[in-house]
Amino acid sequence: MDKQHSLIFLTGFSGSGKSTIGPLLANSLGYEFVDLDQTIEKDAGKTITRIFAEDGEKRFRNLEVQTLNGLVSKSNLVISLGGGVLENDQSYALIQKSGTLVYLKSPIKILARRLCNKTDRPLLKGEKGRKLSYEEIEEKISTIHAKREPRYESADITVETDIKRIGSTVEELTRKIERYVRTASATTEDQ
């Protein structure tokens, strides 16, 4: 399968703005927006929190790969990935060969502030679903983020999401994606 430049994958830690920026970016590019986690929930008939609790993380990661496989055959999509998708070697390889990976980067302190009151993030809970303190959340985010960072940093395009307004971020991303796709397409034609 050749890399399609009409598939844009948004990655970044939970709370980095994928679900907010994704639909706006898709609209700007004239693409359709797909939230991978929502698609998995719809197909499984239960929330991700329930999938983790009842079936475990391994089953959830298998559902991610299965759902991604169905999406990469399409075109003109902006796909918001769950924060941990890139940890799965199979998912990572599929994304790398199928489209353009965009990393929405946010500082850990801002992520912790955004996520401290969220109850739908299974990896940010304590034992037996206990609600973590702000400090515990920041520490857990830092640990998980450090593990994911090398793959986040391998993205084709990186943009910091906390420097400017969302509209400006979407405009910057649109320009960067269009420039990247033009350059990549020209390189492919030359080969």
N, C-alpha and C. Protein backbone atom coordinates (compact mmCIF):
# COMPACT_ATOMS: atom_id res chain seq x y z
N MET A 1 0.85 -1.19 0.00
CA MET A 1 0.00 0.00 0.00
C MET A 1 0.89 1.24 0.00
N ASP A 2 0.64 2.18 -0.90
CA ASP A 2 1.39 3.42 -0.94
C ASP A 2 0.85 4.40 0.08
N LYS A 3 1.75 5.22 0.56
CA LYS A 3 1.36 6.24 1.54
C LYS A 3 0.41 7.22 0.87
N GLN A 4 -0.74 7.43 1.50
CA GLN A 4 -1.72 8.39 0.99
C GLN A 4 -1.52 9.70 1.72
N HIS A 5 -1.54 10.77 0.98
CA HIS A 5 -1.40 12.06 1.65
C HIS A 5 -2.76 12.66 1.94
N SER A 6 -3.82 11.91 1.70
CA SER A 6 -5.16 12.40 2.02
C SER A 6 -5.67 11.80 3.34
N LEU A 7 -4.78 11.14 4.06
CA LEU A 7 -5.10 10.66 5.40
C LEU A 7 -4.19 11.42 6.37
N ILE A 8 -4.81 12.19 7.25
CA ILE A 8 -4.09 12.97 8.24
C ILE A 8 -4.40 12.38 9.61
N PHE A 9 -3.37 11.90 10.30
CA PHE A 9 -3.54 11.32 11.63
C PHE A 9 -3.08 12.33 12.67
N LEU A 10 -3.97 12.67 13.60
CA LEU A 10 -3.62 13.59 14.68
C LEU A 10 -3.24 12.78 15.92
N THR A 11 -2.05 13.03 16.44
CA THR A 11 -1.61 12.35 17.66
C THR A 11 -1.24 13.39 18.70
N GLY A 12 -1.10 12.94 19.91
CA GLY A 12 -0.76 13.80 21.03
C GLY A 12 -1.39 13.22 22.26
N PHE A 13 -0.92 13.66 23.41
CA PHE A 13 -1.45 13.13 24.66
C PHE A 13 -2.91 13.54 24.81
N SER A 14 -3.64 12.77 25.57
CA SER A 14 -5.02 13.11 25.90
C SER A 14 -5.06 14.54 26.43
N GLY A 15 -5.95 15.36 25.90
CA GLY A 15 -6.04 16.75 26.33
C GLY A 15 -5.24 17.72 25.49
N SER A 16 -4.57 17.22 24.45
CA SER A 16 -3.74 18.10 23.61
C SER A 16 -4.55 18.87 22.57
N GLY A 17 -5.83 18.53 22.40
CA GLY A 17 -6.68 19.28 21.48
C GLY A 17 -7.09 18.55 20.22
N LYS A 18 -6.85 17.24 20.16
CA LYS A 18 -7.17 16.48 18.94
C LYS A 18 -8.65 16.56 18.58
N SER A 19 -9.52 16.39 19.57
CA SER A 19 -10.97 16.39 19.31
C SER A 19 -11.51 17.79 19.02
N THR A 20 -10.82 18.81 19.49
CA THR A 20 -11.24 20.19 19.23
C THR A 20 -10.71 20.67 17.88
N ILE A 21 -9.43 20.45 17.65
CA ILE A 21 -8.77 20.92 16.42
C ILE A 21 -9.15 20.06 15.22
N GLY A 22 -9.31 18.75 15.45
CA GLY A 22 -9.58 17.81 14.35
C GLY A 22 -10.72 18.20 13.43
N PRO A 23 -11.93 18.44 13.97
CA PRO A 23 -13.05 18.80 13.08
C PRO A 23 -12.81 20.12 12.33
N LEU A 24 -12.17 21.07 12.98
CA LEU A 24 -11.89 22.36 12.34
C LEU A 24 -10.85 22.18 11.22
N LEU A 25 -9.85 21.37 11.48
CA LEU A 25 -8.83 21.09 10.48
C LEU A 25 -9.45 20.35 9.28
N ALA A 26 -10.28 19.36 9.57
CA ALA A 26 -10.94 18.61 8.50
C ALA A 26 -11.76 19.56 7.63
N ASN A 27 -12.50 20.45 8.25
CA ASN A 27 -13.29 21.43 7.52
C ASN A 27 -12.40 22.32 6.66
N SER A 28 -11.29 22.76 7.22
CA SER A 28 -10.36 23.62 6.50
C SER A 28 -9.77 22.93 5.27
N LEU A 29 -9.52 21.62 5.38
CA LEU A 29 -8.95 20.85 4.28
C LEU A 29 -10.01 20.31 3.32
N GLY A 30 -11.28 20.39 3.72
CA GLY A 30 -12.35 19.80 2.92
C GLY A 30 -12.42 18.29 3.11
N TYR A 31 -11.99 17.80 4.27
CA TYR A 31 -11.96 16.38 4.58
C TYR A 31 -13.06 16.05 5.58
N GLU A 32 -13.25 14.76 5.82
CA GLU A 32 -14.17 14.29 6.86
C GLU A 32 -13.36 14.05 8.14
N PHE A 33 -13.97 14.28 9.29
CA PHE A 33 -13.30 14.05 10.57
C PHE A 33 -13.77 12.75 11.18
N VAL A 34 -12.82 11.95 11.69
CA VAL A 34 -13.13 10.70 12.36
C VAL A 34 -12.37 10.66 13.69
N ASP A 35 -13.08 10.42 14.77
CA ASP A 35 -12.45 10.24 16.07
C ASP A 35 -12.34 8.73 16.29
N LEU A 36 -11.11 8.23 16.34
CA LEU A 36 -10.88 6.79 16.44
C LEU A 36 -11.55 6.19 17.69
N ASP A 37 -11.39 6.86 18.83
CA ASP A 37 -12.00 6.34 20.06
C ASP A 37 -13.52 6.27 19.96
N GLN A 38 -14.15 7.29 19.41
CA GLN A 38 -15.61 7.28 19.26
C GLN A 38 -16.05 6.17 18.31
N THR A 39 -15.27 5.94 17.26
CA THR A 39 -15.58 4.88 16.30
C THR A 39 -15.51 3.52 16.98
N ILE A 40 -14.48 3.33 17.80
CA ILE A 40 -14.33 2.07 18.54
C ILE A 40 -15.51 1.88 19.49
N GLU A 41 -15.88 2.93 20.22
CA GLU A 41 -17.01 2.85 21.15
C GLU A 41 -18.29 2.47 20.42
N LYS A 42 -18.51 3.09 19.28
CA LYS A 42 -19.73 2.81 18.50
C LYS A 42 -19.74 1.35 18.04
N ASP A 43 -18.59 0.90 17.49
CA ASP A 43 -18.50 -0.47 16.99
C ASP A 43 -18.61 -1.50 18.11
N ALA A 44 -18.03 -1.20 19.27
CA ALA A 44 -18.02 -2.15 20.40
C ALA A 44 -19.33 -2.08 21.20
N GLY A 45 -20.06 -0.99 21.06
CA GLY A 45 -21.30 -0.84 21.81
C GLY A 45 -21.08 -0.53 23.28
N LYS A 46 -19.88 -0.04 23.61
CA LYS A 46 -19.62 0.36 25.00
C LYS A 46 -18.47 1.37 25.03
N THR A 47 -18.37 2.07 26.15
CA THR A 47 -17.36 3.11 26.28
C THR A 47 -15.97 2.50 26.41
N ILE A 48 -14.97 3.31 26.15
CA ILE A 48 -13.59 2.86 26.29
C ILE A 48 -13.31 2.49 27.75
N THR A 49 -13.85 3.26 28.67
CA THR A 49 -13.68 2.95 30.09
C THR A 49 -14.20 1.55 30.38
N ARG A 50 -15.37 1.20 29.82
CA ARG A 50 -15.93 -0.14 30.03
C ARG A 50 -15.10 -1.21 29.34
N ILE A 51 -14.60 -0.90 28.13
CA ILE A 51 -13.75 -1.87 27.42
C ILE A 51 -12.52 -2.19 28.27
N PHE A 52 -11.86 -1.13 28.80
CA PHE A 52 -10.70 -1.33 29.66
C PHE A 52 -11.06 -2.17 30.89
N ALA A 53 -12.18 -1.80 31.54
CA ALA A 53 -12.58 -2.48 32.78
C ALA A 53 -12.99 -3.93 32.54
N GLU A 54 -13.75 -4.19 31.48
CA GLU A 54 -14.30 -5.52 31.25
C GLU A 54 -13.39 -6.43 30.42
N ASP A 55 -12.68 -5.83 29.45
CA ASP A 55 -11.91 -6.65 28.51
C ASP A 55 -10.40 -6.45 28.61
N GLY A 56 -9.97 -5.35 29.23
CA GLY A 56 -8.54 -5.07 29.40
C GLY A 56 -7.97 -4.21 28.29
N GLU A 57 -6.78 -3.67 28.58
CA GLU A 57 -6.13 -2.78 27.62
C GLU A 57 -5.74 -3.52 26.34
N LYS A 58 -5.32 -4.79 26.47
CA LYS A 58 -4.89 -5.56 25.28
C LYS A 58 -6.03 -5.65 24.27
N ARG A 59 -7.22 -5.95 24.73
CA ARG A 59 -8.39 -6.05 23.84
C ARG A 59 -8.67 -4.71 23.19
N PHE A 60 -8.55 -3.63 23.98
CA PHE A 60 -8.78 -2.30 23.43
C PHE A 60 -7.77 -2.00 22.33
N ARG A 61 -6.49 -2.32 22.54
CA ARG A 61 -5.45 -2.05 21.52
C ARG A 61 -5.72 -2.88 20.26
N ASN A 62 -6.25 -4.09 20.42
CA ASN A 62 -6.61 -4.91 19.25
C ASN A 62 -7.75 -4.25 18.46
N LEU A 63 -8.71 -3.69 19.18
CA LEU A 63 -9.82 -2.98 18.53
C LEU A 63 -9.30 -1.74 17.78
N GLU A 64 -8.30 -1.07 18.35
CA GLU A 64 -7.70 0.09 17.67
C GLU A 64 -7.10 -0.31 16.32
N VAL A 65 -6.31 -1.38 16.33
CA VAL A 65 -5.67 -1.84 15.09
C VAL A 65 -6.73 -2.22 14.06
N GLN A 66 -7.73 -2.96 14.51
CA GLN A 66 -8.82 -3.40 13.62
C GLN A 66 -9.53 -2.19 13.00
N THR A 67 -9.84 -1.20 13.81
CA THR A 67 -10.55 -0.01 13.34
C THR A 67 -9.66 0.80 12.40
N LEU A 68 -8.39 0.94 12.73
CA LEU A 68 -7.44 1.65 11.86
C LEU A 68 -7.34 0.98 10.49
N ASN A 69 -7.28 -0.36 10.50
CA ASN A 69 -7.22 -1.10 9.23
C ASN A 69 -8.39 -0.76 8.32
N GLY A 70 -9.56 -0.57 8.92
CA GLY A 70 -10.73 -0.21 8.13
C GLY A 70 -10.67 1.22 7.59
N LEU A 71 -10.01 2.11 8.33
CA LEU A 71 -9.95 3.52 7.93
C LEU A 71 -8.89 3.82 6.87
N VAL A 72 -7.77 3.08 6.88
CA VAL A 72 -6.68 3.42 5.98
C VAL A 72 -6.97 3.13 4.51
N SER A 73 -8.05 2.42 4.25
CA SER A 73 -8.43 2.17 2.86
C SER A 73 -9.23 3.34 2.28
N LYS A 74 -9.56 4.32 3.13
CA LYS A 74 -10.35 5.48 2.70
C LYS A 74 -9.42 6.64 2.38
N SER A 75 -10.00 7.75 2.00
CA SER A 75 -9.19 8.94 1.72
C SER A 75 -9.93 10.19 2.20
N ASN A 76 -9.21 11.29 2.21
CA ASN A 76 -9.74 12.59 2.64
C ASN A 76 -10.32 12.55 4.05
N LEU A 77 -9.52 12.02 4.97
CA LEU A 77 -9.92 11.93 6.37
C LEU A 77 -8.89 12.59 7.27
N VAL A 78 -9.39 13.26 8.30
CA VAL A 78 -8.56 13.66 9.44
C VAL A 78 -8.99 12.73 10.56
N ILE A 79 -8.04 11.94 11.06
CA ILE A 79 -8.34 10.92 12.06
C ILE A 79 -7.67 11.30 13.38
N SER A 80 -8.49 11.53 14.38
CA SER A 80 -7.99 11.80 15.72
C SER A 80 -7.69 10.48 16.41
N LEU A 81 -6.42 10.28 16.76
CA LEU A 81 -5.99 9.04 17.39
C LEU A 81 -6.07 9.14 18.90
N GLY A 82 -6.32 8.04 19.56
CA GLY A 82 -6.24 8.03 21.01
C GLY A 82 -4.79 8.25 21.41
N GLY A 83 -4.57 8.76 22.61
CA GLY A 83 -3.23 9.12 23.06
C GLY A 83 -2.21 8.01 23.01
N GLY A 84 -2.65 6.75 23.18
CA GLY A 84 -1.70 5.64 23.25
C GLY A 84 -1.59 4.79 22.00
N VAL A 85 -2.25 5.17 20.92
CA VAL A 85 -2.25 4.35 19.69
C VAL A 85 -0.83 4.06 19.20
N LEU A 86 0.04 5.06 19.27
CA LEU A 86 1.38 4.89 18.71
C LEU A 86 2.24 3.91 19.50
N GLU A 87 1.83 3.57 20.72
CA GLU A 87 2.59 2.60 21.51
C GLU A 87 2.50 1.20 20.91
N ASN A 88 1.43 0.93 20.18
CA ASN A 88 1.23 -0.37 19.55
C ASN A 88 2.02 -0.39 18.24
N ASP A 89 3.01 -1.29 18.14
CA ASP A 89 3.88 -1.34 16.96
C ASP A 89 3.09 -1.52 15.67
N GLN A 90 2.07 -2.35 15.71
CA GLN A 90 1.27 -2.62 14.52
C GLN A 90 0.51 -1.36 14.07
N SER A 91 -0.09 -0.66 15.02
CA SER A 91 -0.80 0.58 14.69
C SER A 91 0.17 1.63 14.17
N TYR A 92 1.30 1.76 14.85
CA TYR A 92 2.31 2.76 14.46
C TYR A 92 2.78 2.53 13.03
N ALA A 93 3.10 1.28 12.69
CA ALA A 93 3.57 0.96 11.34
C ALA A 93 2.49 1.27 10.30
N LEU A 94 1.26 0.94 10.62
CA LEU A 94 0.13 1.19 9.71
C LEU A 94 -0.04 2.69 9.45
N ILE A 95 0.05 3.48 10.50
CA ILE A 95 -0.09 4.94 10.38
C ILE A 95 1.07 5.51 9.58
N GLN A 96 2.29 5.05 9.87
CA GLN A 96 3.49 5.55 9.19
C GLN A 96 3.41 5.33 7.67
N LYS A 97 2.89 4.19 7.27
CA LYS A 97 2.87 3.90 5.84
C LYS A 97 1.60 4.39 5.14
N SER A 98 0.61 4.84 5.92
CA SER A 98 -0.69 5.14 5.31
C SER A 98 -1.02 6.62 5.17
N GLY A 99 -0.33 7.49 5.89
CA GLY A 99 -0.71 8.89 5.81
C GLY A 99 0.28 9.81 6.49
N THR A 100 -0.16 11.01 6.76
CA THR A 100 0.66 12.05 7.37
C THR A 100 0.35 12.11 8.86
N LEU A 101 1.37 11.98 9.69
CA LEU A 101 1.20 12.01 11.14
C LEU A 101 1.50 13.41 11.66
N VAL A 102 0.54 13.97 12.39
CA VAL A 102 0.65 15.32 12.94
C VAL A 102 0.61 15.22 14.47
N TYR A 103 1.62 15.79 15.11
CA TYR A 103 1.73 15.76 16.57
C TYR A 103 1.27 17.10 17.15
N LEU A 104 0.21 17.07 17.95
CA LEU A 104 -0.27 18.24 18.67
C LEU A 104 0.40 18.20 20.05
N LYS A 105 1.34 19.10 20.23
CA LYS A 105 2.21 19.08 21.41
C LYS A 105 1.73 20.08 22.46
N SER A 106 1.65 19.61 23.71
CA SER A 106 1.24 20.46 24.83
C SER A 106 2.13 20.18 26.03
N PRO A 107 2.45 21.21 26.83
CA PRO A 107 3.24 20.99 28.04
C PRO A 107 2.48 20.13 29.06
N ILE A 108 3.21 19.34 29.82
CA ILE A 108 2.62 18.42 30.79
C ILE A 108 1.75 19.15 31.81
N LYS A 109 2.20 20.30 32.30
CA LYS A 109 1.41 21.05 33.29
C LYS A 109 0.04 21.44 32.73
N ILE A 110 -0.01 21.82 31.46
CA ILE A 110 -1.29 22.20 30.84
C ILE A 110 -2.16 20.96 30.64
N LEU A 111 -1.55 19.86 30.23
CA LEU A 111 -2.31 18.61 30.07
C LEU A 111 -2.92 18.19 31.42
N ALA A 112 -2.13 18.27 32.47
CA ALA A 112 -2.62 17.89 33.81
C ALA A 112 -3.79 18.78 34.22
N ARG A 113 -3.67 20.07 33.95
CA ARG A 113 -4.76 20.99 34.32
C ARG A 113 -6.03 20.65 33.54
N ARG A 114 -5.88 20.33 32.26
CA ARG A 114 -7.05 19.98 31.44
C ARG A 114 -7.68 18.65 31.84
N LEU A 115 -6.86 17.72 32.30
CA LEU A 115 -7.34 16.36 32.54
C LEU A 115 -7.70 16.07 33.99
N CYS A 116 -7.39 16.98 34.91
CA CYS A 116 -7.55 16.66 36.34
C CYS A 116 -9.00 16.36 36.74
N ASN A 117 -9.97 16.88 36.01
CA ASN A 117 -11.37 16.61 36.36
C ASN A 117 -12.08 15.65 35.41
N LYS A 118 -11.32 15.08 34.48
CA LYS A 118 -11.91 14.11 33.53
C LYS A 118 -12.05 12.76 34.22
N THR A 119 -13.18 12.11 33.96
CA THR A 119 -13.41 10.79 34.57
C THR A 119 -13.39 9.67 33.54
N ASP A 120 -13.20 10.01 32.26
CA ASP A 120 -13.28 9.01 31.20
C ASP A 120 -11.91 8.62 30.64
N ARG A 121 -10.87 8.77 31.42
CA ARG A 121 -9.51 8.42 30.98
C ARG A 121 -8.99 7.27 31.83
N PRO A 122 -9.15 6.02 31.39
CA PRO A 122 -8.80 4.86 32.21
C PRO A 122 -7.34 4.86 32.69
N LEU A 123 -6.42 5.34 31.87
CA LEU A 123 -5.02 5.29 32.27
C LEU A 123 -4.67 6.34 33.32
N LEU A 124 -5.59 7.27 33.59
CA LEU A 124 -5.32 8.31 34.57
C LEU A 124 -6.10 8.10 35.88
N LYS A 125 -6.37 6.85 36.16
CA LYS A 125 -7.06 6.51 37.41
C LYS A 125 -6.11 5.70 38.28
N GLY A 126 -6.39 5.72 39.57
CA GLY A 126 -5.60 4.93 40.51
C GLY A 126 -6.16 3.52 40.61
N GLU A 127 -5.69 2.80 41.60
CA GLU A 127 -6.17 1.43 41.82
C GLU A 127 -7.68 1.43 42.06
N LYS A 128 -8.35 0.45 41.48
CA LYS A 128 -9.80 0.29 41.61
C LYS A 128 -10.57 1.54 41.21
N GLY A 129 -10.02 2.28 40.24
CA GLY A 129 -10.72 3.46 39.71
C GLY A 129 -10.68 4.68 40.59
N ARG A 130 -9.80 4.68 41.60
CA ARG A 130 -9.71 5.82 42.52
C ARG A 130 -9.32 7.10 41.77
N LYS A 131 -9.97 8.20 42.12
CA LYS A 131 -9.65 9.50 41.52
C LYS A 131 -8.29 9.95 42.08
N LEU A 132 -7.40 10.33 41.17
CA LEU A 132 -6.06 10.77 41.57
C LEU A 132 -6.05 12.25 41.92
N SER A 133 -5.10 12.64 42.76
CA SER A 133 -4.91 14.07 43.06
C SER A 133 -4.26 14.74 41.85
N TYR A 134 -4.27 16.06 41.83
CA TYR A 134 -3.65 16.79 40.72
C TYR A 134 -2.18 16.39 40.58
N GLU A 135 -1.46 16.31 41.69
CA GLU A 135 -0.04 15.97 41.67
C GLU A 135 0.17 14.55 41.12
N GLU A 136 -0.70 13.62 41.51
CA GLU A 136 -0.59 12.25 41.02
C GLU A 136 -0.87 12.19 39.51
N ILE A 137 -1.85 12.99 39.06
CA ILE A 137 -2.17 13.03 37.64
C ILE A 137 -0.98 13.58 36.86
N GLU A 138 -0.41 14.67 37.35
CA GLU A 138 0.74 15.26 36.66
C GLU A 138 1.90 14.27 36.59
N GLU A 139 2.14 13.55 37.67
CA GLU A 139 3.22 12.57 37.71
C GLU A 139 2.94 11.42 36.73
N LYS A 140 1.69 10.94 36.72
CA LYS A 140 1.33 9.83 35.83
C LYS A 140 1.43 10.27 34.36
N ILE A 141 0.96 11.48 34.05
CA ILE A 141 1.06 12.01 32.69
C ILE A 141 2.53 12.09 32.28
N SER A 142 3.36 12.58 33.17
CA SER A 142 4.79 12.72 32.89
C SER A 142 5.42 11.37 32.56
N THR A 143 5.07 10.35 33.33
CA THR A 143 5.61 9.01 33.13
C THR A 143 5.15 8.42 31.79
N ILE A 144 3.84 8.49 31.53
CA ILE A 144 3.28 7.94 30.29
C ILE A 144 3.82 8.73 29.08
N HIS A 145 3.86 10.05 29.22
CA HIS A 145 4.33 10.92 28.13
C HIS A 145 5.78 10.60 27.76
N ALA A 146 6.62 10.38 28.76
CA ALA A 146 8.03 10.06 28.50
C ALA A 146 8.17 8.79 27.66
N LYS A 147 7.30 7.82 27.93
CA LYS A 147 7.32 6.56 27.17
C LYS A 147 6.86 6.78 25.73
N ARG A 148 5.88 7.66 25.53
CA ARG A 148 5.31 7.89 24.20
C ARG A 148 6.09 8.91 23.37
N GLU A 149 6.85 9.75 24.03
CA GLU A 149 7.51 10.89 23.38
C GLU A 149 8.29 10.55 22.10
N PRO A 150 9.11 9.47 22.08
CA PRO A 150 9.86 9.20 20.85
C PRO A 150 8.96 9.02 19.61
N ARG A 151 7.83 8.38 19.80
CA ARG A 151 6.93 8.19 18.64
C ARG A 151 6.17 9.46 18.32
N TYR A 152 5.79 10.23 19.34
CA TYR A 152 5.17 11.53 19.07
C TYR A 152 6.13 12.38 18.23
N GLU A 153 7.39 12.38 18.64
CA GLU A 153 8.40 13.22 17.97
C GLU A 153 8.73 12.74 16.56
N SER A 154 8.33 11.52 16.21
CA SER A 154 8.60 11.00 14.86
C SER A 154 7.57 11.51 13.84
N ALA A 155 6.62 12.32 14.30
CA ALA A 155 5.56 12.81 13.41
C ALA A 155 6.14 13.61 12.24
N ASP A 156 5.40 13.62 11.15
CA ASP A 156 5.80 14.38 9.96
C ASP A 156 5.71 15.89 10.22
N ILE A 157 4.73 16.27 11.04
CA ILE A 157 4.48 17.68 11.35
C ILE A 157 4.20 17.79 12.85
N THR A 158 4.78 18.81 13.49
CA THR A 158 4.52 19.07 14.91
C THR A 158 4.05 20.50 15.06
N VAL A 159 3.04 20.70 15.88
CA VAL A 159 2.58 22.06 16.18
C VAL A 159 2.25 22.12 17.66
N GLU A 160 2.66 23.22 18.30
CA GLU A 160 2.34 23.41 19.71
C GLU A 160 0.95 24.01 19.81
N THR A 161 0.12 23.41 20.64
CA THR A 161 -1.30 23.80 20.67
C THR A 161 -1.64 24.81 21.75
N ASP A 162 -0.67 25.24 22.54
CA ASP A 162 -1.01 26.13 23.65
C ASP A 162 -0.46 27.53 23.49
N ILE A 163 0.08 27.84 22.35
CA ILE A 163 0.71 29.13 22.14
C ILE A 163 -0.29 30.17 21.64
N LYS A 164 -1.23 29.73 20.82
CA LYS A 164 -2.15 30.68 20.18
C LYS A 164 -3.58 30.16 20.18
N ARG A 165 -4.48 31.00 19.66
CA ARG A 165 -5.89 30.62 19.56
C ARG A 165 -6.06 29.40 18.66
N ILE A 166 -7.15 28.68 18.87
CA ILE A 166 -7.42 27.46 18.08
C ILE A 166 -7.47 27.77 16.59
N GLY A 167 -8.14 28.86 16.22
CA GLY A 167 -8.24 29.21 14.80
C GLY A 167 -6.87 29.42 14.16
N SER A 168 -5.98 30.08 14.87
CA SER A 168 -4.62 30.29 14.36
C SER A 168 -3.86 28.97 14.25
N THR A 169 -4.07 28.09 15.21
CA THR A 169 -3.43 26.77 15.18
C THR A 169 -3.90 25.98 13.96
N VAL A 170 -5.21 26.04 13.69
CA VAL A 170 -5.77 25.32 12.54
C VAL A 170 -5.20 25.90 11.24
N GLU A 171 -5.11 27.21 11.14
CA GLU A 171 -4.54 27.85 9.94
C GLU A 171 -3.09 27.41 9.74
N GLU A 172 -2.31 27.42 10.83
CA GLU A 172 -0.90 27.00 10.76
C GLU A 172 -0.80 25.54 10.31
N LEU A 173 -1.63 24.69 10.90
CA LEU A 173 -1.63 23.27 10.53
C LEU A 173 -2.01 23.06 9.07
N THR A 174 -3.03 23.76 8.62
CA THR A 174 -3.47 23.64 7.23
C THR A 174 -2.32 23.99 6.29
N ARG A 175 -1.63 25.11 6.55
CA ARG A 175 -0.48 25.51 5.71
C ARG A 175 0.62 24.46 5.75
N LYS A 176 0.96 23.98 6.95
CA LYS A 176 2.04 23.00 7.09
C LYS A 176 1.69 21.69 6.37
N ILE A 177 0.44 21.25 6.50
CA ILE A 177 0.02 20.00 5.85
C ILE A 177 0.06 20.16 4.34
N GLU A 178 -0.49 21.26 3.83
CA GLU A 178 -0.49 21.47 2.37
C GLU A 178 0.94 21.53 1.83
N ARG A 179 1.84 22.21 2.55
CA ARG A 179 3.24 22.29 2.12
C ARG A 179 3.88 20.91 2.18
N TYR A 180 3.64 20.17 3.24
CA TYR A 180 4.22 18.84 3.40
C TYR A 180 3.74 17.89 2.28
N VAL A 181 2.44 17.91 2.03
CA VAL A 181 1.87 17.03 0.99
C VAL A 181 2.43 17.39 -0.38
N ARG A 182 2.54 18.69 -0.69
CA ARG A 182 3.12 19.10 -1.97
C ARG A 182 4.55 18.59 -2.12
N THR A 183 5.35 18.77 -1.07
CA THR A 183 6.76 18.35 -1.10
C THR A 183 6.85 16.83 -1.22
N ALA A 184 6.06 16.11 -0.41
CA ALA A 184 6.09 14.64 -0.44
C ALA A 184 5.63 14.10 -1.79
N SER A 185 4.60 14.72 -2.37
CA SER A 185 4.08 14.28 -3.68
C SER A 185 5.13 14.52 -4.77
N ALA A 186 5.80 15.67 -4.72
CA ALA A 186 6.83 15.98 -5.70
C ALA A 186 8.00 15.01 -5.59
N THR A 187 8.39 14.64 -4.37
CA THR A 187 9.45 13.69 -4.15
C THR A 187 9.08 12.32 -4.68
N THR A 188 7.83 11.91 -4.48
CA THR A 188 7.35 10.62 -4.96
C THR A 188 7.35 10.58 -6.50
N GLU A 189 6.95 11.68 -7.13
CA GLU A 189 6.92 11.73 -8.60
C GLU A 189 8.33 11.67 -9.20
N ASP A 190 9.32 12.22 -8.47
CA ASP A 190 10.69 12.24 -8.97
C ASP A 190 11.35 10.87 -8.91
N GLN A 191 10.78 9.97 -8.11
CA GLN A 191 11.41 8.65 -7.94
C GLN A 191 11.04 7.68 -9.02
